[in-house]
Amino acid sequence: MSKLKRVGNYIAAIFKLGRTERMAKETYRNMQTIEDRFAGWETRERQLRNGVKQMVQSETQALMARNAELARNFTELSRRLDQILRTPAGEQPISTPADPSDRDESGIGAVMDSFYHRLENKYRGTTSDIRNRLRIYLPDVESAVIRTGGKPVMDIGCGRGEWLSLLNDTGITALGIDTNPVQIADVQEKGLDARQGDARSALTDAEDNSMACITAHHLIEHLPFEEVLWITREAMRVLAPGGVLLFETPNVRNVLVGATSFHNDPTHLHPMTDPVLTVLFETVGFHPIETRHLHPHEKLAEFMAKPGFDPELANLMFGAQDLAILGHKPLQEA
């Protein structure tokens, strides 16, 4: 091949390489443009999805608030109907618990009060233990007191007064109610405001919108469901807007609690589960509602760490021993 032809081939190859390079650069620019467009589409799609999600969440919250408002209106109507049907005027409804003296003609009531005081002292835990468990609720109560302008707390079934003492130490005004005169006497000796009486009479005597919180720790499992419903409904009237109703009860989803420790108290009637309590609070009109599973057994960590031991089974056996539900009375009508 002649040198001239060889040079021509080199020149042709150079031109081809240049065209190839230009085509490659143009193809790269086109691909970059397409990628930018896709990125823009993805951004717009993400923004649209987030907008739809926020809109759905907003509408859902508005619907829940509206349903809670309707439930509160229904609750208030039912309460007024009860008052109208109560005959003769001023007499307590038939379901009102009997006066403690009615069951004490043979002295059995005094024995029962003493027995229950001993039972709690032996199996419920030390006063210090119970105070430490109840500290978890202090932020909720403090927030409710602030929202309601410093209104007090009513503790129904105050027992030995651990919660009243804790509130008092925090500077929160609190009143305790209990039917057991033995425990009330002990609590009063500590300088706390505790009064003998039942939940129905205490709430009936309370003024509208007068409390920041109404609490009941391990009380509702001792009462007929109709009484728990009445307390929940009446609490809606007594709580100030922004106030909180708090129930704590044994968590029978824990197998050991449901099968054994729940029955160590002969005055327990039946367990109260979180689905039941949630629907009850919704029916009365509390919103929002929060459930908490608290106080796992000390052996939970040990069994969770066992090789091959099913974590779900460990939680069923040694998980949360107590259930709490907190319902808020809305600050204003939706």
C-alpha atoms as a PDB file:
ATOM      1  CA  MET A   1       0.000   0.000   0.000  1.00  0.00           C
ATOM      2  CA  SER A   2       1.332   3.370  -0.960  1.00  0.00           C
ATOM      3  CA  LYS A   3       2.225   5.939   1.657  1.00  0.00           C
ATOM      4  CA  LEU A   4      -0.325   8.335   0.201  1.00  0.00           C
ATOM      5  CA  LYS A   5      -3.123   5.803   0.531  1.00  0.00           C
ATOM      6  CA  ARG A   6      -2.003   4.917   4.040  1.00  0.00           C
ATOM      7  CA  VAL A   7      -2.136   8.589   5.018  1.00  0.00           C
ATOM      8  CA  GLY A   8      -5.616   8.847   3.506  1.00  0.00           C
ATOM      9  CA  ASN A   9      -6.797   5.917   5.562  1.00  0.00           C
ATOM     10  CA  TYR A  10      -5.407   7.519   8.731  1.00  0.00           C
ATOM     11  CA  ILE A  11      -7.171  10.794   7.902  1.00  0.00           C
ATOM     12  CA  ALA A  12     -10.457   8.961   7.229  1.00  0.00           C
ATOM     13  CA  ALA A  13     -10.105   7.071  10.522  1.00  0.00           C
ATOM     14  CA  ILE A  14      -9.499  10.323  12.382  1.00  0.00           C
ATOM     15  CA  PHE A  15     -12.657  11.852  10.892  1.00  0.00           C
ATOM     16  CA  LYS A  16     -14.637   8.706  11.790  1.00  0.00           C
ATOM     17  CA  LEU A  17     -13.284   8.826  15.335  1.00  0.00           C
ATOM     18  CA  GLY A  18     -14.304  12.464  15.592  1.00  0.00           C
ATOM     19  CA  ARG A  19     -17.805  11.729  14.394  1.00  0.00           C
ATOM     20  CA  THR A  20     -18.019   8.803  16.794  1.00  0.00           C
ATOM     21  CA  GLU A  21     -16.877  11.006  19.662  1.00  0.00           C
ATOM     22  CA  ARG A  22     -19.397  13.696  18.735  1.00  0.00           C
ATOM     23  CA  MET A  23     -22.147  11.085  18.507  1.00  0.00           C
ATOM     24  CA  ALA A  24     -21.110   9.662  21.880  1.00  0.00           C
ATOM     25  CA  LYS A  25     -21.178  13.110  23.475  1.00  0.00           C
ATOM     26  CA  GLU A  26     -24.549  13.851  21.916  1.00  0.00           C
ATOM     27  CA  THR A  27     -25.884  10.509  23.093  1.00  0.00           C
ATOM     28  CA  TYR A  28     -24.551  11.249  26.608  1.00  0.00           C
ATOM     29  CA  ARG A  29     -26.231  14.664  26.599  1.00  0.00           C
ATOM     30  CA  ASN A  30     -29.491  13.091  25.472  1.00  0.00           C
ATOM     31  CA  MET A  31     -29.263  10.465  28.192  1.00  0.00           C
ATOM     32  CA  GLN A  32     -28.501  13.158  30.765  1.00  0.00           C
ATOM     33  CA  THR A  33     -31.537  15.116  29.600  1.00  0.00           C
ATOM     34  CA  ILE A  34     -33.719  12.007  29.885  1.00  0.00           C
ATOM     35  CA  GLU A  35     -32.328  11.296  33.381  1.00  0.00           C
ATOM     36  CA  ASP A  36     -33.040  14.878  34.448  1.00  0.00           C
ATOM     37  CA  ARG A  37     -36.575  14.570  33.151  1.00  0.00           C
ATOM     38  CA  PHE A  38     -37.051  11.302  35.027  1.00  0.00           C
ATOM     39  CA  ALA A  39     -35.674  12.907  38.167  1.00  0.00           C
ATOM     40  CA  GLY A  40     -38.108  15.780  37.749  1.00  0.00           C
ATOM     41  CA  TRP A  41     -40.979  13.376  37.224  1.00  0.00           C
ATOM     42  CA  GLU A  42     -39.940  11.390  40.323  1.00  0.00           C
ATOM     43  CA  THR A  43     -39.790  14.586  42.379  1.00  0.00           C
ATOM     44  CA  ARG A  44     -43.231  15.686  41.191  1.00  0.00           C
ATOM     45  CA  GLU A  45     -44.618  12.180  41.778  1.00  0.00           C
ATOM     46  CA  ARG A  46     -43.148  12.162  45.309  1.00  0.00           C
ATOM     47  CA  GLN A  47     -44.556  15.614  46.023  1.00  0.00           C
ATOM     48  CA  LEU A  48     -47.950  14.526  44.688  1.00  0.00           C
ATOM     49  CA  ARG A  49     -47.881  11.353  46.782  1.00  0.00           C
ATOM     50  CA  ASN A  50     -46.925  13.296  49.916  1.00  0.00           C
ATOM     51  CA  GLY A  51     -49.630  15.851  49.202  1.00  0.00           C
ATOM     52  CA  VAL A  52     -52.250  13.138  48.825  1.00  0.00           C
ATOM     53  CA  LYS A  53     -50.997  11.435  52.014  1.00  0.00           C
ATOM     54  CA  GLN A  54     -51.177  14.679  53.992  1.00  0.00           C
ATOM     55  CA  MET A  55     -54.632  15.392  52.608  1.00  0.00           C
ATOM     56  CA  VAL A  56     -55.850  11.903  53.570  1.00  0.00           C
ATOM     57  CA  GLN A  57     -54.325  12.251  57.056  1.00  0.00           C
ATOM     58  CA  SER A  58     -55.888  15.672  57.483  1.00  0.00           C
ATOM     59  CA  GLU A  59     -59.294  14.457  56.346  1.00  0.00           C
ATOM     60  CA  THR A  60     -59.000  11.380  58.568  1.00  0.00           C
ATOM     61  CA  GLN A  61     -58.151  13.498  61.608  1.00  0.00           C
ATOM     62  CA  ALA A  62     -61.020  15.857  60.833  1.00  0.00           C
ATOM     63  CA  LEU A  63     -63.405  12.905  60.489  1.00  0.00           C
ATOM     64  CA  MET A  64     -62.195  11.379  63.766  1.00  0.00           C
ATOM     65  CA  ALA A  65     -62.618  14.721  65.517  1.00  0.00           C
ATOM     66  CA  ARG A  66     -66.112  15.094  64.079  1.00  0.00           C
ATOM     67  CA  ASN A  67     -67.051  11.580  65.187  1.00  0.00           C
ATOM     68  CA  ALA A  68     -65.721  12.376  68.674  1.00  0.00           C
ATOM     69  CA  GLU A  69     -67.829  15.545  68.761  1.00  0.00           C
ATOM     70  CA  LEU A  70     -70.956  13.610  67.784  1.00  0.00           C
ATOM     71  CA  ALA A  71     -70.140  11.010  70.441  1.00  0.00           C
ATOM     72  CA  ARG A  72     -69.792  13.728  73.089  1.00  0.00           C
ATOM     73  CA  ASN A  73     -73.141  15.222  72.084  1.00  0.00           C
ATOM     74  CA  PHE A  74     -74.767  11.806  72.347  1.00  0.00           C
ATOM     75  CA  THR A  75     -73.106  11.232  75.719  1.00  0.00           C
ATOM     76  CA  GLU A  76     -74.409  14.529  77.065  1.00  0.00           C
ATOM     77  CA  LEU A  77     -77.932  13.739  75.860  1.00  0.00           C
ATOM     78  CA  SER A  78     -77.829  10.322  77.524  1.00  0.00           C
ATOM     79  CA  ARG A  79     -76.634  11.901  80.774  1.00  0.00           C
ATOM     80  CA  ARG A  80     -79.487  14.412  80.738  1.00  0.00           C
ATOM     81  CA  LEU A  81     -81.971  11.650  79.991  1.00  0.00           C
ATOM     82  CA  ASP A  82     -80.716   9.779  83.051  1.00  0.00           C
ATOM     83  CA  GLN A  83     -81.338  12.847  85.176  1.00  0.00           C
ATOM     84  CA  ILE A  84     -84.856  13.246  83.811  1.00  0.00           C
ATOM     85  CA  LEU A  85     -85.753   9.592  84.379  1.00  0.00           C
ATOM     86  CA  ARG A  86     -84.308   9.541  87.879  1.00  0.00           C
ATOM     87  CA  THR A  87     -87.250   9.267  90.227  1.00  0.00           C
ATOM     88  CA  PRO A  88     -88.118  10.477  92.741  1.00  0.00           C
ATOM     89  CA  ALA A  89     -86.283  13.742  92.173  1.00  0.00           C
ATOM     90  CA  GLY A  90     -82.787  13.730  93.619  1.00  0.00           C
ATOM     91  CA  GLU A  91     -82.700   9.974  94.258  1.00  0.00           C
ATOM     92  CA  GLN A  92     -79.689   8.062  92.956  1.00  0.00           C
ATOM     93  CA  PRO A  93     -80.277   5.617  90.067  1.00  0.00           C
ATOM     94  CA  ILE A  94     -80.980   2.020  90.919  1.00  0.00           C
ATOM     95  CA  SER A  95     -77.473   1.028  89.834  1.00  0.00           C
ATOM     96  CA  THR A  96     -75.862   3.287  92.442  1.00  0.00           C
ATOM     97  CA  PRO A  97     -73.653   1.165  94.708  1.00  0.00           C
ATOM     98  CA  ALA A  98     -75.103   0.539  98.121  1.00  0.00           C
ATOM     99  CA  ASP A  99     -73.880   2.610 101.011  1.00  0.00           C
ATOM    100  CA  PRO A 100     -70.984   0.809 102.795  1.00  0.00           C
ATOM    101  CA  SER A 101     -72.989   0.739 106.025  1.00  0.00           C
ATOM    102  CA  ASP A 102     -75.709  -1.310 104.302  1.00  0.00           C
ATOM    103  CA  ARG A 103     -73.379  -4.290 104.076  1.00  0.00           C
ATOM    104  CA  ASP A 104     -71.889  -3.945 107.525  1.00  0.00           C
ATOM    105  CA  GLU A 105     -74.749  -5.049 109.739  1.00  0.00           C
ATOM    106  CA  SER A 106     -72.893  -8.243 110.696  1.00  0.00           C
ATOM    107  CA  GLY A 107     -69.452  -6.633 110.779  1.00  0.00           C
ATOM    108  CA  ILE A 108     -68.329  -8.402 107.611  1.00  0.00           C
ATOM    109  CA  GLY A 109     -67.645  -5.078 105.871  1.00  0.00           C
ATOM    110  CA  ALA A 110     -64.992  -4.092 108.418  1.00  0.00           C
ATOM    111  CA  VAL A 111     -63.302  -7.480 108.043  1.00  0.00           C
ATOM    112  CA  MET A 112     -63.372  -7.127 104.265  1.00  0.00           C
ATOM    113  CA  ASP A 113     -61.752  -3.674 104.402  1.00  0.00           C
ATOM    114  CA  SER A 114     -59.007  -4.943 106.691  1.00  0.00           C
ATOM    115  CA  PHE A 115     -58.473  -8.033 104.513  1.00  0.00           C
ATOM    116  CA  TYR A 116     -58.097  -5.995 101.352  1.00  0.00           C
ATOM    117  CA  HIS A 117     -55.659  -3.598 103.001  1.00  0.00           C
ATOM    118  CA  ARG A 118     -53.497  -6.560 104.013  1.00  0.00           C
ATOM    119  CA  LEU A 119     -53.793  -8.134 100.554  1.00  0.00           C
ATOM    120  CA  GLU A 120     -52.508  -4.993  98.825  1.00  0.00           C
ATOM    121  CA  ASN A 121     -49.660  -4.580 101.284  1.00  0.00           C
ATOM    122  CA  LYS A 122     -48.555  -8.164 100.703  1.00  0.00           C
ATOM    123  CA  TYR A 123     -48.898  -8.551  96.921  1.00  0.00           C
ATOM    124  CA  ARG A 124     -49.271  -5.179  95.188  1.00  0.00           C
ATOM    125  CA  GLY A 125     -45.701  -4.112  95.908  1.00  0.00           C
ATOM    126  CA  THR A 126     -44.044  -1.646  98.237  1.00  0.00           C
ATOM    127  CA  THR A 127     -45.125   1.988  98.304  1.00  0.00           C
ATOM    128  CA  SER A 128     -41.767   2.928  96.793  1.00  0.00           C
ATOM    129  CA  ASP A 129     -42.197   0.409  93.940  1.00  0.00           C
ATOM    130  CA  ILE A 130     -45.669   1.692  93.087  1.00  0.00           C
ATOM    131  CA  ARG A 131     -44.533   5.334  93.162  1.00  0.00           C
ATOM    132  CA  ASN A 132     -41.746   4.515  90.724  1.00  0.00           C
ATOM    133  CA  ARG A 133     -44.169   2.755  88.375  1.00  0.00           C
ATOM    134  CA  LEU A 134     -46.599   5.677  88.442  1.00  0.00           C
ATOM    135  CA  ARG A 135     -43.965   8.313  87.617  1.00  0.00           C
ATOM    136  CA  ILE A 136     -44.463   7.538  83.942  1.00  0.00           C
ATOM    137  CA  TYR A 137     -47.779   9.394  84.040  1.00  0.00           C
ATOM    138  CA  LEU A 138     -46.456  12.634  85.561  1.00  0.00           C
ATOM    139  CA  PRO A 139     -45.705  14.340  82.192  1.00  0.00           C
ATOM    140  CA  ASP A 140     -49.258  13.590  81.015  1.00  0.00           C
ATOM    141  CA  VAL A 141     -50.798  15.020  84.170  1.00  0.00           C
ATOM    142  CA  GLU A 142     -48.521  18.053  84.309  1.00  0.00           C
ATOM    143  CA  SER A 143     -49.401  18.886  80.687  1.00  0.00           C
ATOM    144  CA  ALA A 144     -53.127  18.518  81.407  1.00  0.00           C
ATOM    145  CA  VAL A 145     -52.850  20.767  84.483  1.00  0.00           C
ATOM    146  CA  ILE A 146     -51.150  23.427  82.366  1.00  0.00           C
ATOM    147  CA  ARG A 147     -53.733  23.134  79.576  1.00  0.00           C
ATOM    148  CA  THR A 148     -56.614  23.497  82.036  1.00  0.00           C
ATOM    149  CA  GLY A 149     -55.165  26.455  83.876  1.00  0.00           C
ATOM    150  CA  GLY A 150     -54.062  24.632  87.038  1.00  0.00           C
ATOM    151  CA  LYS A 151     -57.184  22.619  87.805  1.00  0.00           C
ATOM    152  CA  PRO A 152     -56.847  19.703  90.279  1.00  0.00           C
ATOM    153  CA  VAL A 153     -56.667  15.933  89.807  1.00  0.00           C
ATOM    154  CA  MET A 154     -59.188  13.415  91.133  1.00  0.00           C
ATOM    155  CA  ASP A 155     -57.894   9.914  91.834  1.00  0.00           C
ATOM    156  CA  ILE A 156     -60.698   7.362  92.121  1.00  0.00           C
ATOM    157  CA  GLY A 157     -59.817   4.293  94.169  1.00  0.00           C
ATOM    158  CA  CYS A 158     -56.750   5.980  95.656  1.00  0.00           C
ATOM    159  CA  GLY A 159     -55.898   2.947  97.833  1.00  0.00           C
ATOM    160  CA  ARG A 160     -52.749   3.491  99.869  1.00  0.00           C
ATOM    161  CA  GLY A 161     -52.213   6.920  98.334  1.00  0.00           C
ATOM    162  CA  GLU A 162     -48.994   6.364  96.352  1.00  0.00           C
ATOM    163  CA  TRP A 163     -50.275   8.387  93.393  1.00  0.00           C
ATOM    164  CA  LEU A 164     -51.653  11.157  95.619  1.00  0.00           C
ATOM    165  CA  SER A 165     -48.312  11.372  97.389  1.00  0.00           C
ATOM    166  CA  LEU A 166     -46.428  11.561  94.106  1.00  0.00           C
ATOM    167  CA  LEU A 167     -48.697  14.321  92.804  1.00  0.00           C
ATOM    168  CA  ASN A 168     -48.393  16.211  96.077  1.00  0.00           C
ATOM    169  CA  ASP A 169     -44.586  16.042  95.899  1.00  0.00           C
ATOM    170  CA  THR A 170     -44.777  17.447  92.364  1.00  0.00           C
ATOM    171  CA  GLY A 171     -46.892  20.382  93.522  1.00  0.00           C
ATOM    172  CA  ILE A 172     -50.119  19.223  91.855  1.00  0.00           C
ATOM    173  CA  THR A 173     -53.378  19.612  93.793  1.00  0.00           C
ATOM    174  CA  ALA A 174     -55.061  16.219  94.033  1.00  0.00           C
ATOM    175  CA  LEU A 175     -58.045  14.646  95.755  1.00  0.00           C
ATOM    176  CA  GLY A 176     -58.330  10.916  96.466  1.00  0.00           C
ATOM    177  CA  ILE A 177     -61.537   8.875  96.741  1.00  0.00           C
ATOM    178  CA  ASP A 178     -61.818   5.349  98.126  1.00  0.00           C
ATOM    179  CA  THR A 179     -64.505   3.207  99.760  1.00  0.00           C
ATOM    180  CA  ASN A 180     -62.061   1.555 102.182  1.00  0.00           C
ATOM    181  CA  PRO A 181     -61.973   3.472 105.496  1.00  0.00           C
ATOM    182  CA  VAL A 182     -58.843   1.622 106.670  1.00  0.00           C
ATOM    183  CA  GLN A 183     -56.834   2.853 103.709  1.00  0.00           C
ATOM    184  CA  ILE A 184     -58.373   6.325 103.806  1.00  0.00           C
ATOM    185  CA  ALA A 185     -57.297   6.695 107.439  1.00  0.00           C
ATOM    186  CA  ASP A 186     -53.710   5.746 106.545  1.00  0.00           C
ATOM    187  CA  VAL A 187     -53.636   8.191 103.630  1.00  0.00           C
ATOM    188  CA  GLN A 188     -55.049  11.022 105.718  1.00  0.00           C
ATOM    189  CA  GLU A 189     -52.363  10.440 108.350  1.00  0.00           C
ATOM    190  CA  LYS A 190     -49.821  11.302 105.639  1.00  0.00           C
ATOM    191  CA  GLY A 191     -51.426  14.720 105.280  1.00  0.00           C
ATOM    192  CA  LEU A 192     -53.022  13.957 101.908  1.00  0.00           C
ATOM    193  CA  ASP A 193     -56.526  14.934 100.801  1.00  0.00           C
ATOM    194  CA  ALA A 194     -58.342  11.595 100.780  1.00  0.00           C
ATOM    195  CA  ARG A 195     -62.040  11.089 101.371  1.00  0.00           C
ATOM    196  CA  GLN A 196     -64.207   8.032 101.841  1.00  0.00           C
ATOM    197  CA  GLY A 197     -66.774   7.537  99.101  1.00  0.00           C
ATOM    198  CA  ASP A 198     -67.465   5.832  95.801  1.00  0.00           C
ATOM    199  CA  ALA A 199     -66.737   6.947  92.265  1.00  0.00           C
ATOM    200  CA  ARG A 200     -70.354   7.617  91.395  1.00  0.00           C
ATOM    201  CA  SER A 201     -71.034   9.998  94.271  1.00  0.00           C
ATOM    202  CA  ALA A 202     -67.670  11.758  93.867  1.00  0.00           C
ATOM    203  CA  LEU A 203     -68.221  12.430  90.174  1.00  0.00           C
ATOM    204  CA  THR A 204     -71.877  13.348  90.618  1.00  0.00           C
ATOM    205  CA  ASP A 205     -70.920  16.008  93.165  1.00  0.00           C
ATOM    206  CA  ALA A 206     -68.123  17.413  90.983  1.00  0.00           C
ATOM    207  CA  GLU A 207     -68.836  20.537  88.920  1.00  0.00           C
ATOM    208  CA  ASP A 208     -68.676  20.696  85.135  1.00  0.00           C
ATOM    209  CA  ASN A 209     -65.189  21.292  83.659  1.00  0.00           C
ATOM    210  CA  SER A 210     -63.620  21.279  87.123  1.00  0.00           C
ATOM    211  CA  MET A 211     -60.782  18.725  86.843  1.00  0.00           C
ATOM    212  CA  ALA A 212     -57.549  18.533  84.885  1.00  0.00           C
ATOM    213  CA  CYS A 213     -57.308  14.742  85.246  1.00  0.00           C
ATOM    214  CA  ILE A 214     -59.398  11.888  86.531  1.00  0.00           C
ATOM    215  CA  THR A 215     -57.329   8.794  87.251  1.00  0.00           C
ATOM    216  CA  ALA A 216     -58.184   5.269  88.327  1.00  0.00           C
ATOM    217  CA  HIS A 217     -55.355   2.802  88.869  1.00  0.00           C
ATOM    218  CA  HIS A 218     -56.479  -0.817  89.101  1.00  0.00           C
ATOM    219  CA  LEU A 219     -60.092   0.050  89.836  1.00  0.00           C
ATOM    220  CA  ILE A 220     -62.164  -0.719  86.757  1.00  0.00           C
ATOM    221  CA  GLU A 221     -61.560  -4.471  86.906  1.00  0.00           C
ATOM    222  CA  HIS A 222     -63.400  -4.416  90.275  1.00  0.00           C
ATOM    223  CA  LEU A 223     -66.577  -2.866  88.806  1.00  0.00           C
ATOM    224  CA  PRO A 224     -69.474  -4.012  86.619  1.00  0.00           C
ATOM    225  CA  PHE A 225     -68.995  -2.791  83.059  1.00  0.00           C
ATOM    226  CA  GLU A 226     -72.072  -0.548  83.309  1.00  0.00           C
ATOM    227  CA  GLU A 227     -70.395   1.292  86.189  1.00  0.00           C
ATOM    228  CA  VAL A 228     -67.168   1.702  84.207  1.00  0.00           C
ATOM    229  CA  LEU A 229     -69.219   3.102  81.336  1.00  0.00           C
ATOM    230  CA  TRP A 230     -70.966   5.531  83.687  1.00  0.00           C
ATOM    231  CA  ILE A 231     -67.653   6.723  85.149  1.00  0.00           C
ATOM    232  CA  THR A 232     -66.231   7.238  81.661  1.00  0.00           C
ATOM    233  CA  ARG A 233     -69.273   9.191  80.541  1.00  0.00           C
ATOM    234  CA  GLU A 234     -69.430  11.350  83.675  1.00  0.00           C
ATOM    235  CA  ALA A 235     -65.695  12.054  83.444  1.00  0.00           C
ATOM    236  CA  MET A 236     -66.337  13.765  80.108  1.00  0.00           C
ATOM    237  CA  ARG A 237     -68.558  16.273  81.935  1.00  0.00           C
ATOM    238  CA  VAL A 238     -66.270  16.790  84.919  1.00  0.00           C
ATOM    239  CA  LEU A 239     -63.013  17.174  82.978  1.00  0.00           C
ATOM    240  CA  ALA A 240     -62.098  20.620  81.716  1.00  0.00           C
ATOM    241  CA  PRO A 241     -61.289  20.946  78.003  1.00  0.00           C
ATOM    242  CA  GLY A 242     -57.771  19.605  77.581  1.00  0.00           C
ATOM    243  CA  GLY A 243     -58.201  17.281  80.547  1.00  0.00           C
ATOM    244  CA  VAL A 244     -57.304  13.586  80.587  1.00  0.00           C
ATOM    245  CA  LEU A 245     -59.075  10.441  81.788  1.00  0.00           C
ATOM    246  CA  LEU A 246     -56.602   7.707  82.748  1.00  0.00           C
ATOM    247  CA  PHE A 247     -57.390   4.073  83.530  1.00  0.00           C
ATOM    248  CA  GLU A 248     -54.730   1.522  84.448  1.00  0.00           C
ATOM    249  CA  THR A 249     -55.688  -2.147  84.706  1.00  0.00           C
ATOM    250  CA  PRO A 250     -54.012  -5.594  84.586  1.00  0.00           C
ATOM    251  CA  ASN A 251     -52.942  -6.590  81.080  1.00  0.00           C
ATOM    252  CA  VAL A 252     -54.470 -10.018  80.566  1.00  0.00           C
ATOM    253  CA  ARG A 253     -52.750 -10.385  77.185  1.00  0.00           C
ATOM    254  CA  ASN A 254     -49.867 -11.425  79.420  1.00  0.00           C
ATOM    255  CA  VAL A 255     -50.648 -15.124  79.932  1.00  0.00           C
ATOM    256  CA  LEU A 256     -49.288 -15.234  83.486  1.00  0.00           C
ATOM    257  CA  VAL A 257     -51.375 -12.223  84.478  1.00  0.00           C
ATOM    258  CA  GLY A 258     -54.543 -13.556  82.843  1.00  0.00           C
ATOM    259  CA  ALA A 259     -54.126 -17.070  84.215  1.00  0.00           C
ATOM    260  CA  THR A 260     -52.751 -16.421  87.690  1.00  0.00           C
ATOM    261  CA  SER A 261     -52.119 -13.003  89.250  1.00  0.00           C
ATOM    262  CA  PHE A 262     -55.417 -11.490  88.059  1.00  0.00           C
ATOM    263  CA  HIS A 263     -57.234 -14.066  90.182  1.00  0.00           C
ATOM    264  CA  ASN A 264     -55.184 -13.405  93.317  1.00  0.00           C
ATOM    265  CA  ASP A 265     -57.646 -10.607  94.051  1.00  0.00           C
ATOM    266  CA  PRO A 266     -61.070 -12.067  94.846  1.00  0.00           C
ATOM    267  CA  THR A 267     -62.732  -8.695  94.237  1.00  0.00           C
ATOM    268  CA  HIS A 268     -61.750  -8.678  90.547  1.00  0.00           C
ATOM    269  CA  LEU A 269     -64.907  -9.153  88.456  1.00  0.00           C
ATOM    270  CA  HIS A 270     -63.581  -9.466  84.914  1.00  0.00           C
ATOM    271  CA  PRO A 271     -60.617  -8.227  82.839  1.00  0.00           C
ATOM    272  CA  MET A 272     -60.825  -5.035  80.805  1.00  0.00           C
ATOM    273  CA  THR A 273     -58.924  -5.301  77.512  1.00  0.00           C
ATOM    274  CA  ASP A 274     -57.549  -2.535  75.305  1.00  0.00           C
ATOM    275  CA  PRO A 275     -60.055  -3.116  72.444  1.00  0.00           C
ATOM    276  CA  VAL A 276     -62.963  -2.773  74.886  1.00  0.00           C
ATOM    277  CA  LEU A 277     -61.560   0.332  76.554  1.00  0.00           C
ATOM    278  CA  THR A 278     -60.650   1.993  73.265  1.00  0.00           C
ATOM    279  CA  VAL A 279     -64.162   1.569  71.882  1.00  0.00           C
ATOM    280  CA  LEU A 280     -65.615   2.762  75.194  1.00  0.00           C
ATOM    281  CA  PHE A 281     -63.551   5.969  75.091  1.00  0.00           C
ATOM    282  CA  GLU A 282     -64.471   6.489  71.423  1.00  0.00           C
ATOM    283  CA  THR A 283     -68.158   6.021  72.232  1.00  0.00           C
ATOM    284  CA  VAL A 284     -68.049   8.697  74.914  1.00  0.00           C
ATOM    285  CA  GLY A 285     -66.131  11.106  72.660  1.00  0.00           C
ATOM    286  CA  PHE A 286     -62.560  11.227  73.936  1.00  0.00           C
ATOM    287  CA  HIS A 287     -60.039  12.222  71.268  1.00  0.00           C
ATOM    288  CA  PRO A 288     -57.210  11.463  70.869  1.00  0.00           C
ATOM    289  CA  ILE A 289     -56.947   8.138  72.707  1.00  0.00           C
ATOM    290  CA  GLU A 290     -53.696   6.403  73.616  1.00  0.00           C
ATOM    291  CA  THR A 291     -53.049   2.889  74.944  1.00  0.00           C
ATOM    292  CA  ARG A 292     -49.823   1.831  76.656  1.00  0.00           C
ATOM    293  CA  HIS A 293     -48.521  -1.595  77.619  1.00  0.00           C
ATOM    294  CA  LEU A 294     -46.398  -1.188  80.733  1.00  0.00           C
ATOM    295  CA  HIS A 295     -44.249  -2.913  83.332  1.00  0.00           C
ATOM    296  CA  PRO A 296     -42.872  -6.086  81.702  1.00  0.00           C
ATOM    297  CA  HIS A 297     -41.924  -8.967  83.981  1.00  0.00           C
ATOM    298  CA  GLU A 298     -38.355  -8.952  85.273  1.00  0.00           C
ATOM    299  CA  LYS A 299     -37.712 -12.252  83.455  1.00  0.00           C
ATOM    300  CA  LEU A 300     -38.566 -10.877  79.991  1.00  0.00           C
ATOM    301  CA  ALA A 301     -34.986  -9.860  79.113  1.00  0.00           C
ATOM    302  CA  GLU A 302     -33.678 -13.237  80.298  1.00  0.00           C
ATOM    303  CA  PHE A 303     -36.041 -15.198  78.043  1.00  0.00           C
ATOM    304  CA  MET A 304     -35.599 -12.814  75.103  1.00  0.00           C
ATOM    305  CA  ALA A 305     -31.862 -13.555  75.278  1.00  0.00           C
ATOM    306  CA  LYS A 306     -32.277 -17.354  75.317  1.00  0.00           C
ATOM    307  CA  PRO A 307     -31.049 -18.850  72.000  1.00  0.00           C
ATOM    308  CA  GLY A 308     -33.942 -20.307  70.022  1.00  0.00           C
ATOM    309  CA  PHE A 309     -36.625 -18.986  72.381  1.00  0.00           C
ATOM    310  CA  ASP A 310     -39.488 -17.421  70.416  1.00  0.00           C
ATOM    311  CA  PRO A 311     -39.606 -13.652  71.200  1.00  0.00           C
ATOM    312  CA  GLU A 312     -43.377 -13.598  70.680  1.00  0.00           C
ATOM    313  CA  LEU A 313     -43.796 -16.377  73.235  1.00  0.00           C
ATOM    314  CA  ALA A 314     -41.482 -14.534  75.631  1.00  0.00           C
ATOM    315  CA  ASN A 315     -43.696 -11.433  75.378  1.00  0.00           C
ATOM    316  CA  LEU A 316     -46.863 -13.465  75.841  1.00  0.00           C
ATOM    317  CA  MET A 317     -45.465 -14.951  79.032  1.00  0.00           C
ATOM    318  CA  PHE A 318     -43.375 -12.122  80.467  1.00  0.00           C
ATOM    319  CA  GLY A 319     -44.417  -8.973  78.591  1.00  0.00           C
ATOM    320  CA  ALA A 320     -46.340  -5.953  79.838  1.00  0.00           C
ATOM    321  CA  GLN A 321     -48.232  -6.707  83.042  1.00  0.00           C
ATOM    322  CA  ASP A 322     -50.304  -3.522  83.034  1.00  0.00           C
ATOM    323  CA  LEU A 323     -52.436  -1.745  80.451  1.00  0.00           C
ATOM    324  CA  ALA A 324     -53.092   1.996  80.480  1.00  0.00           C
ATOM    325  CA  ILE A 325     -55.525   3.996  78.379  1.00  0.00           C
ATOM    326  CA  LEU A 326     -55.551   7.790  78.238  1.00  0.00           C
ATOM    327  CA  GLY A 327     -58.401   9.772  76.682  1.00  0.00           C
ATOM    328  CA  HIS A 328     -58.271  13.510  76.062  1.00  0.00           C
ATOM    329  CA  LYS A 329     -61.227  15.848  76.258  1.00  0.00           C
ATOM    330  CA  PRO A 330     -60.648  18.145  73.252  1.00  0.00           C
ATOM    331  CA  LEU A 331     -59.641  21.726  73.948  1.00  0.00           C
ATOM    332  CA  GLN A 332     -62.428  22.968  71.688  1.00  0.00           C
ATOM    333  CA  GLU A 333     -65.224  21.547  69.617  1.00  0.00           C
ATOM    334  CA  ALA A 334     -64.118  20.428  66.173  1.00  0.00           C
END
